[in-house]
Amino acid sequence: MSTIGRISVSLFTVVAVISIVLAAAVIWLFLTQPVTVANAVNDGEISPLVRSLGSVLYNAFAGILKYL
């Protein structure tokens, strides 16, 4: 496999993993904080949603790092 082929496969893998992590965090946020999500959608303000999403991702990574 050529160098360009390896780079493209690696880039695709990184993008796929980031997409999966973000999708899982958004689903978790919908299930655990539906009022925050509903208010963000209703008001058109995305900052509380992004803040909550960051909190969910931080707590998930902190929990994973505890086990390592």
N, C-alpha and C. Protein backbone atom coordinates (compact mmCIF):
# COMPACT_ATOMS: atom_id res chain seq x y z
N MET A 1 0.85 -1.17 0.00
CA MET A 1 0.00 0.00 0.00
C MET A 1 0.90 1.24 0.00
N SER A 2 0.52 2.20 -0.74
CA SER A 2 1.33 3.41 -0.84
C SER A 2 1.16 4.28 0.40
N THR A 3 2.04 5.26 0.50
CA THR A 3 2.00 6.17 1.65
C THR A 3 0.69 6.96 1.69
N ILE A 4 0.23 7.40 0.53
CA ILE A 4 -1.02 8.15 0.47
C ILE A 4 -2.18 7.27 0.91
N GLY A 5 -2.14 6.00 0.54
CA GLY A 5 -3.20 5.08 0.94
C GLY A 5 -3.23 4.87 2.44
N ARG A 6 -2.06 4.74 3.05
CA ARG A 6 -1.99 4.57 4.51
C ARG A 6 -2.46 5.81 5.24
N ILE A 7 -2.07 6.98 4.72
CA ILE A 7 -2.49 8.24 5.35
C ILE A 7 -4.00 8.40 5.25
N SER A 8 -4.58 8.08 4.11
CA SER A 8 -6.03 8.24 3.94
C SER A 8 -6.80 7.28 4.83
N VAL A 9 -6.31 6.04 4.99
CA VAL A 9 -6.97 5.09 5.88
C VAL A 9 -6.86 5.57 7.32
N SER A 10 -5.70 6.08 7.72
CA SER A 10 -5.52 6.58 9.08
C SER A 10 -6.41 7.79 9.33
N LEU A 11 -6.49 8.70 8.40
CA LEU A 11 -7.33 9.88 8.53
C LEU A 11 -8.80 9.49 8.63
N PHE A 12 -9.23 8.55 7.79
CA PHE A 12 -10.61 8.08 7.85
C PHE A 12 -10.91 7.45 9.20
N THR A 13 -9.98 6.68 9.73
CA THR A 13 -10.16 6.04 11.03
C THR A 13 -10.30 7.07 12.14
N VAL A 14 -9.47 8.09 12.14
CA VAL A 14 -9.53 9.13 13.16
C VAL A 14 -10.86 9.88 13.08
N VAL A 15 -11.29 10.24 11.88
CA VAL A 15 -12.56 10.94 11.71
C VAL A 15 -13.72 10.05 12.15
N ALA A 16 -13.67 8.77 11.83
CA ALA A 16 -14.75 7.86 12.23
C ALA A 16 -14.82 7.71 13.75
N VAL A 17 -13.68 7.59 14.40
CA VAL A 17 -13.67 7.44 15.86
C VAL A 17 -14.20 8.71 16.53
N ILE A 18 -13.78 9.86 16.06
CA ILE A 18 -14.27 11.13 16.64
C ILE A 18 -15.77 11.26 16.43
N SER A 19 -16.26 10.88 15.25
CA SER A 19 -17.69 10.95 14.98
C SER A 19 -18.48 10.02 15.88
N ILE A 20 -17.97 8.83 16.10
CA ILE A 20 -18.65 7.86 16.97
C ILE A 20 -18.69 8.36 18.40
N VAL A 21 -17.59 8.91 18.88
CA VAL A 21 -17.54 9.43 20.26
C VAL A 21 -18.52 10.59 20.43
N LEU A 22 -18.54 11.51 19.49
CA LEU A 22 -19.47 12.64 19.58
C LEU A 22 -20.93 12.19 19.49
N ALA A 23 -21.21 11.23 18.62
CA ALA A 23 -22.59 10.73 18.51
C ALA A 23 -23.02 10.05 19.80
N ALA A 24 -22.14 9.26 20.40
CA ALA A 24 -22.47 8.60 21.66
C ALA A 24 -22.69 9.63 22.77
N ALA A 25 -21.88 10.67 22.80
CA ALA A 25 -22.03 11.71 23.83
C ALA A 25 -23.34 12.47 23.65
N VAL A 26 -23.72 12.74 22.42
CA VAL A 26 -24.99 13.45 22.17
C VAL A 26 -26.17 12.57 22.57
N ILE A 27 -26.12 11.30 22.26
CA ILE A 27 -27.19 10.39 22.67
C ILE A 27 -27.28 10.31 24.18
N TRP A 28 -26.13 10.22 24.85
CA TRP A 28 -26.10 10.20 26.31
C TRP A 28 -26.70 11.49 26.88
N LEU A 29 -26.38 12.60 26.27
CA LEU A 29 -26.91 13.89 26.71
C LEU A 29 -28.42 13.95 26.52
N PHE A 30 -28.93 13.43 25.42
CA PHE A 30 -30.37 13.39 25.20
C PHE A 30 -31.07 12.56 26.27
N LEU A 31 -30.43 11.49 26.70
CA LEU A 31 -31.05 10.60 27.69
C LEU A 31 -30.93 11.13 29.11
N THR A 32 -29.84 11.81 29.44
CA THR A 32 -29.60 12.22 30.82
C THR A 32 -30.04 13.65 31.11
N GLN A 33 -30.02 14.52 30.12
CA GLN A 33 -30.40 15.92 30.34
C GLN A 33 -31.34 16.40 29.25
N PRO A 34 -32.54 15.83 29.19
CA PRO A 34 -33.45 16.22 28.10
C PRO A 34 -33.94 17.66 28.21
N VAL A 35 -34.01 18.21 29.41
CA VAL A 35 -34.48 19.59 29.57
C VAL A 35 -33.46 20.57 28.98
N THR A 36 -32.18 20.33 29.20
CA THR A 36 -31.14 21.17 28.63
C THR A 36 -31.20 21.15 27.11
N VAL A 37 -31.37 19.96 26.55
CA VAL A 37 -31.44 19.82 25.10
C VAL A 37 -32.69 20.52 24.56
N ALA A 38 -33.82 20.32 25.23
CA ALA A 38 -35.07 20.95 24.77
C ALA A 38 -34.97 22.47 24.84
N ASN A 39 -34.41 23.00 25.92
CA ASN A 39 -34.25 24.45 26.03
C ASN A 39 -33.31 25.00 24.96
N ALA A 40 -32.23 24.28 24.68
CA ALA A 40 -31.28 24.73 23.66
C ALA A 40 -31.94 24.75 22.29
N VAL A 41 -32.74 23.75 22.00
CA VAL A 41 -33.42 23.71 20.70
C VAL A 41 -34.49 24.79 20.63
N ASN A 42 -35.23 24.98 21.70
CA ASN A 42 -36.33 25.95 21.72
C ASN A 42 -35.81 27.39 21.62
N ASP A 43 -34.75 27.70 22.38
CA ASP A 43 -34.22 29.06 22.39
C ASP A 43 -33.26 29.35 21.25
N GLY A 44 -32.76 28.34 20.60
CA GLY A 44 -31.78 28.53 19.54
C GLY A 44 -30.39 28.79 20.08
N GLU A 45 -30.21 28.69 21.38
CA GLU A 45 -28.90 28.87 22.01
C GLU A 45 -28.19 27.53 22.07
N ILE A 46 -27.05 27.46 21.49
CA ILE A 46 -26.32 26.20 21.46
C ILE A 46 -25.27 26.10 22.56
N SER A 47 -24.94 27.21 23.21
CA SER A 47 -23.88 27.19 24.21
C SER A 47 -24.18 26.30 25.41
N PRO A 48 -25.41 26.24 25.96
CA PRO A 48 -25.64 25.30 27.06
C PRO A 48 -25.49 23.85 26.62
N LEU A 49 -25.89 23.58 25.39
CA LEU A 49 -25.76 22.23 24.85
C LEU A 49 -24.30 21.85 24.68
N VAL A 50 -23.50 22.76 24.16
CA VAL A 50 -22.07 22.49 23.98
C VAL A 50 -21.38 22.36 25.33
N ARG A 51 -21.76 23.18 26.29
CA ARG A 51 -21.19 23.10 27.63
C ARG A 51 -21.51 21.73 28.27
N SER A 52 -22.74 21.29 28.13
CA SER A 52 -23.14 19.99 28.68
C SER A 52 -22.44 18.86 27.95
N LEU A 53 -22.29 19.00 26.65
CA LEU A 53 -21.61 17.98 25.86
C LEU A 53 -20.14 17.88 26.27
N GLY A 54 -19.51 19.02 26.49
CA GLY A 54 -18.12 19.01 26.96
C GLY A 54 -17.99 18.36 28.32
N SER A 55 -18.96 18.62 29.19
CA SER A 55 -18.95 18.01 30.51
C SER A 55 -19.10 16.50 30.42
N VAL A 56 -19.98 16.03 29.56
CA VAL A 56 -20.17 14.60 29.38
C VAL A 56 -18.90 13.95 28.85
N LEU A 57 -18.28 14.56 27.85
CA LEU A 57 -17.04 14.00 27.29
C LEU A 57 -15.92 14.00 28.31
N TYR A 58 -15.80 15.09 29.08
CA TYR A 58 -14.76 15.16 30.11
C TYR A 58 -14.95 14.07 31.16
N ASN A 59 -16.16 13.89 31.64
CA ASN A 59 -16.42 12.87 32.64
C ASN A 59 -16.17 11.47 32.10
N ALA A 60 -16.50 11.24 30.83
CA ALA A 60 -16.26 9.93 30.23
C ALA A 60 -14.76 9.65 30.12
N PHE A 61 -14.00 10.61 29.66
CA PHE A 61 -12.56 10.41 29.54
C PHE A 61 -11.89 10.30 30.91
N ALA A 62 -12.37 11.06 31.88
CA ALA A 62 -11.82 10.94 33.24
C ALA A 62 -12.10 9.56 33.81
N GLY A 63 -13.28 9.03 33.55
CA GLY A 63 -13.61 7.69 34.01
C GLY A 63 -12.76 6.62 33.34
N ILE A 64 -12.49 6.80 32.06
CA ILE A 64 -11.64 5.84 31.34
C ILE A 64 -10.22 5.90 31.86
N LEU A 65 -9.73 7.09 32.12
CA LEU A 65 -8.34 7.23 32.59
C LEU A 65 -8.16 6.68 34.01
N LYS A 66 -9.22 6.60 34.80
CA LYS A 66 -9.12 6.00 36.13
C LYS A 66 -8.72 4.53 36.03
N TYR A 67 -9.22 3.86 35.01
CA TYR A 67 -8.96 2.44 34.86
C TYR A 67 -7.60 2.15 34.24
N LEU A 68 -6.96 3.12 33.67
CA LEU A 68 -5.65 2.91 33.05
C LEU A 68 -4.59 3.15 34.01
